[in-house]
Amino acid sequence: MTILRAPAPRSAHIAAKKLGFGAVVASALVVSIVPGAFGAAATDKGATDAGIVDVNLATQSLLADDIHTLTTLAEAQPSRYGGVYSNGPTAVTICDTGSGPNASIDAEVAKLRTDGATVAVTSCSFTIAQLNSVLAAVSTSQLFADNGVSLNRWGLNYGNDSVDVGVSSIPPGFADKVANTFGPAISLFVQGVAGATGRLDDNQPYWGGDRITNGSGCTSGFSAHTSSGGWYSITAGHCWTLNTPVYVNGNTSKGYGTVSHRSFGNNSVDAELINGKTYASDIWNGGVTTTSDLAVQGSGYSCQGCQINFDGSFSGQTLGTVQQANTFCATIKSPEFGNYTACGLREVKSSGGTLCQGGDSGGPVFAYNGPGGATAVGIITGQYSNSDCLYTQVPDILSRWSLSIP
């Protein structure tokens, strides 16, 4: 994998001090990870990491197998069940449109509960058979082309009891045509097409994990929204000052947005918001030049000993282990802004090789939430070394500006 610009390490000493609520910051070396400049795009393709779910690995493996078995059993009876979905491997839901016992399903639900998961059995509007019938019709329909619309994404969504349909645009009256053609199971939304070079040359709506620049380079984190529907892209607060325009990988003709909100220094969370363009809740996952993505389906905390994924645009997706049970504050040295203090930090050490490096600041830190999705855990903040890095917790950032993910 080709790495774009690897600046020499820059460090600052953290004096040992006792903070509020009994937290103690020990002496260490920490640096912010914004490189002085960005480089040219890499040409090799990054391999997608299969990933690790953020729970005890033995328990995760067992529960993942259980969930897969339950899903297979439900899909074998598509006229009764509406599918299986999870919010992490320990919180599972199965949709049942029928009534009465079902020996195989009931036995697998009991096994999941024995193995440590909570399982809810709920009703839903559509069966798997009905959803598959709609999906087949969508995938072969001329309705989109006939209305000048590109079909960019389609698939089942058990958690939403729907068929997701992402299109290039929704012209006036088109949503009614879709509903009249396919029925009420459709969830219609605007979805752009990912460029072939992924995070290095993204197109709107922008995803997390993009390389973003204005002189120095950082990485976009997660997309978040207000209760009124305004969308923002989160990155690190030490990347740029307020009102700074930001671009995709140095391409000044491809604006990423403008820094509209900033939290920086004075023991605050190290984060800022970019807006002015369109942003979607997916993130890139895999190597630097990946074209693979994950849907971000919520936010949460990690735990001591849990393995989580860093996703910087210079390092690609990497894996590490959370070191402490509590957050802490630290003094961090930024090449652009000097020393500053940040709180809500957690430390992660690499499971092998580089975890983060210059230019990864602001990038997503996530955990796999079960089959197919990701939970937003944090954004990359700084490093003690390339294999010992810090992140800022996403729930603290969301609370700062009353935002939600997804």
Protein backbone atom coordinates (compact mmCIF):
# COMPACT_ATOMS: atom_id res chain seq x y z
CA MET A 1 0.00 0.00 0.00
CA THR A 2 1.38 3.39 -0.98
CA ILE A 3 1.35 5.92 1.86
CA LEU A 4 0.93 9.63 1.09
CA ARG A 5 3.35 11.88 2.97
CA ALA A 6 4.68 10.50 6.25
CA PRO A 7 5.98 13.51 8.19
CA ALA A 8 8.69 13.23 10.83
CA PRO A 9 7.25 12.67 14.33
CA ARG A 10 6.54 15.82 16.33
CA SER A 11 6.05 15.53 20.08
CA ALA A 12 5.31 17.39 23.27
CA HIS A 13 5.75 16.36 26.86
CA ILE A 14 2.62 15.92 28.97
CA ALA A 15 3.31 16.85 32.57
CA ALA A 16 1.80 14.50 35.11
CA LYS A 17 -1.20 16.19 36.69
CA LYS A 18 -4.33 15.25 38.55
CA LEU A 19 -7.56 16.25 36.88
CA GLY A 20 -11.16 16.38 38.03
CA PHE A 21 -12.96 13.21 39.09
CA GLY A 22 -9.71 11.54 40.06
CA ALA A 23 -8.34 11.15 36.51
CA VAL A 24 -4.56 11.19 36.24
CA VAL A 25 -2.57 11.97 33.10
CA ALA A 26 0.86 10.37 33.19
CA SER A 27 4.00 11.69 31.54
CA ALA A 28 4.01 10.77 27.86
CA LEU A 29 4.68 11.97 24.36
CA VAL A 30 1.68 13.02 22.28
CA VAL A 31 1.37 14.76 18.96
CA SER A 32 -1.47 15.93 16.80
CA ILE A 33 -1.43 14.22 13.44
CA VAL A 34 -1.91 16.83 10.75
CA PRO A 35 0.85 16.70 8.12
CA GLY A 36 2.29 19.92 6.78
CA ALA A 37 1.02 19.17 3.28
CA PHE A 38 -0.79 16.58 1.24
CA GLY A 39 0.64 14.37 -1.49
CA ALA A 40 -0.47 13.00 -4.80
CA ALA A 41 -3.01 10.22 -4.97
CA ALA A 42 -1.75 6.67 -4.56
CA THR A 43 -2.31 4.29 -7.44
CA ASP A 44 -2.48 0.90 -5.76
CA LYS A 45 -5.69 -0.62 -4.53
CA GLY A 46 -6.05 -1.14 -0.76
CA ALA A 47 -7.35 -4.48 0.47
CA THR A 48 -10.47 -4.34 2.62
CA ASP A 49 -10.02 -5.57 6.19
CA ALA A 50 -12.62 -8.14 7.20
CA GLY A 51 -12.75 -6.42 10.59
CA ILE A 52 -13.36 -7.25 14.23
CA VAL A 53 -16.54 -6.60 16.18
CA ASP A 54 -16.13 -4.51 19.32
CA VAL A 55 -16.93 -7.11 21.97
CA ASN A 56 -14.99 -9.90 23.64
CA LEU A 57 -13.77 -11.84 20.62
CA ALA A 58 -14.78 -15.29 21.81
CA THR A 59 -18.28 -14.08 22.68
CA GLN A 60 -18.52 -12.12 19.43
CA SER A 61 -17.64 -15.16 17.34
CA LEU A 62 -20.26 -17.24 19.11
CA LEU A 63 -22.98 -14.59 18.82
CA ALA A 64 -22.16 -13.87 15.17
CA ASP A 65 -22.65 -17.54 14.37
CA ASP A 66 -25.92 -17.54 16.31
CA ILE A 67 -27.21 -14.46 14.47
CA HIS A 68 -26.26 -15.93 11.11
CA THR A 69 -28.07 -19.16 11.97
CA LEU A 70 -31.20 -17.29 13.08
CA THR A 71 -31.14 -15.21 9.89
CA THR A 72 -30.78 -18.33 7.75
CA LEU A 73 -33.69 -19.99 9.54
CA ALA A 74 -35.89 -16.91 9.07
CA GLU A 75 -34.96 -16.61 5.38
CA ALA A 76 -35.90 -20.27 4.92
CA GLN A 77 -39.44 -19.31 5.97
CA PRO A 78 -39.82 -16.05 3.99
CA SER A 79 -43.61 -16.01 4.02
CA ARG A 80 -43.72 -15.66 7.80
CA TYR A 81 -40.64 -13.73 8.90
CA GLY A 82 -39.51 -10.19 8.06
CA GLY A 83 -35.84 -10.69 8.80
CA VAL A 84 -33.27 -10.42 11.60
CA TYR A 85 -31.21 -7.38 12.54
CA SER A 86 -28.96 -6.35 15.40
CA ASN A 87 -27.66 -3.31 17.22
CA GLY A 88 -24.35 -4.92 18.04
CA PRO A 89 -24.08 -8.68 18.47
CA THR A 90 -25.76 -8.62 21.89
CA ALA A 91 -29.00 -6.89 20.86
CA VAL A 92 -30.94 -8.87 18.26
CA THR A 93 -34.41 -8.41 16.81
CA ILE A 94 -36.43 -10.85 14.72
CA CYS A 95 -39.56 -9.77 12.89
CA ASP A 96 -42.42 -12.28 12.98
CA THR A 97 -45.62 -11.65 11.01
CA GLY A 98 -47.19 -14.92 12.13
CA SER A 99 -48.25 -16.42 15.44
CA GLY A 100 -47.65 -19.57 17.39
CA PRO A 101 -44.48 -21.52 18.11
CA ASN A 102 -41.80 -22.40 15.59
CA ALA A 103 -39.46 -25.06 16.90
CA SER A 104 -36.30 -24.17 14.97
CA ILE A 105 -36.62 -20.40 15.43
CA ASP A 106 -37.57 -20.70 19.09
CA ALA A 107 -34.58 -22.96 19.77
CA GLU A 108 -32.13 -20.52 18.15
CA VAL A 109 -33.63 -17.55 20.01
CA ALA A 110 -33.17 -19.48 23.24
CA LYS A 111 -29.54 -20.22 22.32
CA LEU A 112 -28.82 -16.55 21.61
CA ARG A 113 -30.23 -15.59 24.99
CA THR A 114 -28.18 -18.29 26.71
CA ASP A 115 -25.05 -17.04 24.95
CA GLY A 116 -25.59 -13.52 26.27
CA ALA A 117 -27.74 -11.65 23.75
CA THR A 118 -31.07 -9.99 24.28
CA VAL A 119 -33.57 -10.99 21.60
CA ALA A 120 -36.76 -9.09 20.83
CA VAL A 121 -39.53 -10.60 18.73
CA THR A 122 -41.53 -7.87 16.99
CA SER A 123 -44.17 -7.52 14.31
CA CYS A 124 -43.55 -5.87 10.95
CA SER A 125 -45.46 -4.86 7.85
CA PHE A 126 -43.64 -6.95 5.24
CA THR A 127 -42.31 -10.48 5.02
CA ILE A 128 -38.96 -11.41 3.51
CA ALA A 129 -40.80 -12.84 0.50
CA GLN A 130 -42.63 -9.55 -0.06
CA LEU A 131 -39.44 -7.50 0.28
CA ASN A 132 -37.55 -9.76 -2.12
CA SER A 133 -40.35 -9.46 -4.67
CA VAL A 134 -40.14 -5.66 -4.52
CA LEU A 135 -36.33 -5.77 -4.71
CA ALA A 136 -36.43 -7.92 -7.83
CA ALA A 137 -38.83 -5.49 -9.48
CA VAL A 138 -36.67 -2.49 -8.57
CA SER A 139 -33.46 -4.03 -9.88
CA THR A 140 -34.90 -4.63 -13.37
CA SER A 141 -37.22 -1.64 -13.69
CA GLN A 142 -36.96 0.95 -16.49
CA LEU A 143 -38.79 3.52 -14.35
CA PHE A 144 -35.56 5.16 -13.25
CA ALA A 145 -33.99 5.55 -16.70
CA ASP A 146 -37.29 6.68 -18.18
CA ASN A 147 -37.34 9.56 -15.67
CA GLY A 148 -33.69 10.54 -16.10
CA VAL A 149 -32.72 9.09 -12.72
CA SER A 150 -29.78 6.79 -11.97
CA LEU A 151 -30.35 3.87 -9.60
CA ASN A 152 -27.23 4.04 -7.42
CA ARG A 153 -28.08 1.78 -4.49
CA TRP A 154 -30.69 -0.85 -3.72
CA GLY A 155 -31.12 -3.66 -1.22
CA LEU A 156 -33.13 -5.08 1.66
CA ASN A 157 -33.12 -3.32 5.03
CA TYR A 158 -34.56 -5.65 7.66
CA GLY A 159 -34.02 -3.06 10.38
CA ASN A 160 -36.18 -0.55 8.52
CA ASP A 161 -38.65 -3.16 7.21
CA SER A 162 -38.04 -1.80 3.72
CA VAL A 163 -36.27 -1.98 0.39
CA ASP A 164 -33.71 0.83 0.31
CA VAL A 165 -33.51 2.64 -3.03
CA GLY A 166 -30.79 5.27 -3.50
CA VAL A 167 -31.07 7.41 -6.63
CA SER A 168 -29.15 10.27 -8.19
CA SER A 169 -32.03 12.70 -7.70
CA ILE A 170 -35.75 12.79 -6.89
CA PRO A 171 -37.49 15.01 -9.48
CA PRO A 172 -40.95 16.43 -8.72
CA GLY A 173 -43.55 13.70 -8.80
CA PHE A 174 -40.98 10.89 -9.00
CA ALA A 175 -41.52 9.67 -5.43
CA ASP A 176 -45.22 9.19 -6.22
CA LYS A 177 -44.33 7.20 -9.34
CA VAL A 178 -42.06 4.96 -7.30
CA ALA A 179 -44.72 4.39 -4.65
CA ASN A 180 -47.37 3.65 -7.28
CA THR A 181 -45.08 1.22 -9.10
CA PHE A 182 -43.52 -0.67 -6.19
CA GLY A 183 -45.81 -0.05 -3.21
CA PRO A 184 -45.18 1.20 0.33
CA ALA A 185 -42.14 -0.98 1.13
CA ILE A 186 -39.77 1.43 -0.65
CA SER A 187 -37.43 3.75 1.27
CA LEU A 188 -36.34 6.30 -1.36
CA PHE A 189 -33.36 8.61 -0.86
CA VAL A 190 -30.66 10.46 -2.80
CA GLN A 191 -27.41 8.52 -3.09
CA GLY A 192 -24.36 9.59 -5.10
CA VAL A 193 -21.96 7.29 -6.90
CA ALA A 194 -18.61 6.63 -5.25
CA GLY A 195 -15.63 7.48 -7.42
CA ALA A 196 -13.26 4.70 -8.43
CA THR A 197 -10.53 6.09 -6.18
CA GLY A 198 -12.79 6.22 -3.13
CA ARG A 199 -11.57 8.29 -0.21
CA LEU A 200 -8.95 10.08 -2.33
CA ASP A 201 -11.41 11.54 -4.86
CA ASP A 202 -14.87 11.31 -3.35
CA ASN A 203 -18.05 12.77 -4.80
CA GLN A 204 -21.12 14.15 -3.03
CA PRO A 205 -22.71 13.05 -0.82
CA TYR A 206 -19.33 12.78 0.93
CA TRP A 207 -18.49 9.84 3.20
CA GLY A 208 -16.37 9.61 6.31
CA GLY A 209 -12.73 8.69 5.82
CA ASP A 210 -12.14 11.11 2.93
CA ARG A 211 -8.82 12.89 2.57
CA ILE A 212 -9.62 16.59 3.06
CA THR A 213 -7.18 19.48 2.73
CA ASN A 214 -6.41 23.17 2.82
CA GLY A 215 -2.64 23.47 2.97
CA SER A 216 -2.45 20.80 5.67
CA GLY A 217 -4.36 17.55 5.35
CA CYS A 218 -6.81 15.78 7.65
CA THR A 219 -9.44 13.06 7.35
CA SER A 220 -13.21 13.47 7.49
CA GLY A 221 -14.91 11.65 10.35
CA PHE A 222 -18.56 10.78 10.62
CA SER A 223 -21.56 12.59 9.18
CA ALA A 224 -24.08 13.78 11.77
CA HIS A 225 -27.34 15.69 11.68
CA THR A 226 -29.45 18.04 13.77
CA SER A 227 -33.05 17.36 14.77
CA SER A 228 -34.15 19.72 12.00
CA GLY A 229 -32.26 17.76 9.34
CA GLY A 230 -29.09 19.80 8.84
CA TRP A 231 -26.07 17.60 8.03
CA TYR A 232 -22.42 18.14 8.98
CA SER A 233 -19.13 16.33 8.57
CA ILE A 234 -17.10 15.95 11.77
CA THR A 235 -13.31 16.23 11.86
CA ALA A 236 -10.64 17.21 14.43
CA GLY A 237 -10.72 20.72 15.93
CA HIS A 238 -6.99 21.20 15.41
CA CYS A 239 -7.31 20.85 11.63
CA TRP A 240 -8.44 24.37 10.68
CA THR A 241 -9.89 27.59 12.08
CA LEU A 242 -13.50 28.72 11.66
CA ASN A 243 -14.65 29.67 8.16
CA THR A 244 -11.79 27.82 6.47
CA PRO A 245 -12.79 26.30 3.11
CA VAL A 246 -11.90 22.62 2.80
CA TYR A 247 -11.29 20.58 -0.37
CA VAL A 248 -11.14 16.94 -1.42
CA ASN A 249 -7.48 15.85 -1.50
CA GLY A 250 -6.10 19.18 -2.71
CA ASN A 251 -8.56 19.56 -5.58
CA THR A 252 -9.67 23.20 -5.20
CA SER A 253 -12.37 22.66 -7.81
CA LYS A 254 -13.98 20.05 -5.55
CA GLY A 255 -15.07 21.81 -2.38
CA TYR A 256 -15.79 19.69 0.69
CA GLY A 257 -17.42 22.54 2.64
CA THR A 258 -16.45 25.19 5.20
CA VAL A 259 -15.60 24.92 8.90
CA SER A 260 -18.75 26.22 10.61
CA HIS A 261 -18.32 25.15 14.26
CA ARG A 262 -15.15 24.51 16.25
CA SER A 263 -14.30 23.11 19.68
CA PHE A 264 -10.59 23.48 20.38
CA GLY A 265 -8.37 23.83 23.45
CA ASN A 266 -9.26 24.79 27.02
CA ASN A 267 -10.02 21.18 28.02
CA SER A 268 -12.75 20.86 25.39
CA VAL A 269 -13.32 18.04 22.96
CA ASP A 270 -11.07 18.34 19.91
CA ALA A 271 -13.60 18.54 17.09
CA GLU A 272 -15.07 20.77 14.42
CA LEU A 273 -17.96 20.64 11.98
CA ILE A 274 -17.87 21.23 8.23
CA ASN A 275 -20.99 22.03 6.22
CA GLY A 276 -22.12 23.56 2.96
CA LYS A 277 -22.14 20.35 0.90
CA THR A 278 -24.05 17.06 1.10
CA TYR A 279 -22.86 14.29 3.43
CA ALA A 280 -23.98 10.69 3.89
CA SER A 281 -23.63 8.35 6.87
CA ASP A 282 -21.35 5.77 5.19
CA ILE A 283 -17.60 5.55 5.82
CA TRP A 284 -14.83 4.11 3.68
CA ASN A 285 -13.24 0.97 5.10
CA GLY A 286 -10.15 -0.84 3.93
CA GLY A 287 -6.85 0.47 2.56
CA VAL A 288 -5.94 3.96 1.43
CA THR A 289 -7.36 3.45 -2.07
CA THR A 290 -10.34 1.34 -1.02
CA THR A 291 -13.69 1.50 -2.80
CA SER A 292 -15.44 -0.43 -0.01
CA ASP A 293 -17.78 1.22 2.48
CA LEU A 294 -19.78 0.56 5.63
CA ALA A 295 -23.12 2.01 6.70
CA VAL A 296 -22.84 3.81 10.05
CA GLN A 297 -25.93 2.84 12.00
CA GLY A 298 -25.41 4.57 15.33
CA SER A 299 -22.90 5.82 17.88
CA GLY A 300 -21.62 4.52 21.19
CA TYR A 301 -18.73 3.97 23.57
CA SER A 302 -16.01 1.37 23.53
CA CYS A 303 -14.55 -0.44 26.53
CA GLN A 304 -11.21 -1.33 28.05
CA GLY A 305 -9.74 -4.31 26.21
CA CYS A 306 -12.10 -3.91 23.24
CA GLN A 307 -10.69 -3.89 19.73
CA ILE A 308 -11.71 -1.01 17.49
CA ASN A 309 -10.85 0.23 14.01
CA PHE A 310 -9.08 3.45 13.04
CA ASP A 311 -9.81 4.68 9.51
CA GLY A 312 -7.45 7.51 8.54
CA SER A 313 -6.99 8.57 4.93
CA PHE A 314 -3.20 8.17 5.17
CA SER A 315 -3.07 4.86 7.08
CA GLY A 316 -6.26 3.22 5.88
CA GLN A 317 -8.23 0.93 8.17
CA THR A 318 -6.17 -0.35 11.11
CA LEU A 319 -6.93 -2.25 14.30
CA GLY A 320 -6.08 -1.55 17.93
CA THR A 321 -7.04 -2.27 21.54
CA VAL A 322 -8.50 0.30 23.97
CA GLN A 323 -6.18 0.71 26.96
CA GLN A 324 -8.16 2.37 29.77
CA ALA A 325 -11.66 2.20 31.18
CA ASN A 326 -11.88 5.99 31.51
CA THR A 327 -11.35 9.04 29.33
CA PHE A 328 -8.62 11.55 30.10
CA CYS A 329 -7.37 15.02 29.22
CA ALA A 330 -3.96 15.83 27.75
CA THR A 331 -1.79 18.64 26.52
CA ILE A 332 -1.16 18.14 22.83
CA LYS A 333 1.33 19.90 20.58
CA SER A 334 0.02 21.02 17.20
CA PRO A 335 2.50 22.20 14.54
CA GLU A 336 -0.03 24.83 13.45
CA PHE A 337 -1.47 26.00 16.79
CA GLY A 338 1.13 25.10 19.42
CA ASN A 339 0.22 23.43 22.71
CA TYR A 340 -3.45 22.99 23.58
CA THR A 341 -5.47 20.88 26.02
CA ALA A 342 -8.16 18.41 25.04
CA CYS A 343 -10.43 16.12 27.05
CA GLY A 344 -12.62 13.12 26.36
CA LEU A 345 -9.61 11.16 25.07
CA ARG A 346 -8.96 7.43 25.03
CA GLU A 347 -5.77 5.58 24.19
CA VAL A 348 -5.51 2.73 21.72
CA LYS A 349 -2.48 0.58 20.92
CA SER A 350 -1.91 -1.18 17.62
CA SER A 351 -2.59 -4.87 17.18
CA GLY A 352 0.42 -4.87 14.83
CA GLY A 353 2.10 -2.17 12.76
CA THR A 354 0.99 1.41 12.20
CA LEU A 355 -2.28 2.48 13.83
CA CYS A 356 -2.26 6.16 12.85
CA GLN A 357 0.03 8.78 11.31
CA GLY A 358 0.12 12.33 10.04
CA GLY A 359 -3.01 13.26 8.08
CA ASP A 360 -5.30 10.78 9.86
CA SER A 361 -6.60 13.42 12.31
CA GLY A 362 -10.38 13.54 12.40
CA GLY A 363 -10.79 10.14 10.77
CA PRO A 364 -13.42 7.63 11.92
CA VAL A 365 -12.86 5.29 14.86
CA PHE A 366 -15.49 2.59 14.72
CA ALA A 367 -16.60 -0.86 15.83
CA TYR A 368 -18.42 -3.42 13.74
CA ASN A 369 -21.95 -3.63 15.12
CA GLY A 370 -22.81 -7.08 13.83
CA PRO A 371 -23.54 -8.12 10.24
CA GLY A 372 -22.84 -5.31 7.81
CA GLY A 373 -22.74 -2.06 9.77
CA ALA A 374 -20.59 0.15 11.97
CA THR A 375 -20.98 1.99 15.27
CA ALA A 376 -19.29 5.41 15.49
CA VAL A 377 -16.99 5.36 18.51
CA GLY A 378 -14.62 8.33 18.04
CA ILE A 379 -12.45 10.43 15.75
CA ILE A 380 -8.66 10.22 15.55
CA THR A 381 -6.96 12.95 17.58
CA GLY A 382 -3.24 12.38 18.24
CA GLN A 383 -0.49 9.91 18.86
CA TYR A 384 2.23 8.91 21.26
CA SER A 385 3.74 6.96 18.39
CA ASN A 386 2.44 5.46 15.14
CA SER A 387 1.31 2.41 17.11
CA ASP A 388 -0.07 4.22 20.19
CA CYS A 389 -2.82 6.70 19.34
CA LEU A 390 -5.60 8.78 20.86
CA TYR A 391 -9.19 9.32 19.89
CA THR A 392 -11.97 11.66 21.01
CA GLN A 393 -15.25 9.98 21.91
CA VAL A 394 -18.04 10.60 19.40
CA PRO A 395 -20.87 10.75 22.01
CA ASP A 396 -19.09 13.73 23.63
CA ILE A 397 -18.90 15.49 20.24
CA LEU A 398 -22.56 14.82 19.46
CA SER A 399 -23.57 16.17 22.88
CA ARG A 400 -21.53 19.33 22.31
CA TRP A 401 -23.68 20.35 19.32
CA SER A 402 -26.88 18.31 19.88
CA LEU A 403 -26.25 16.07 16.89
CA SER A 404 -27.23 12.50 16.05
CA ILE A 405 -25.71 9.62 14.06
CA PRO A 406 -26.98 8.39 11.65
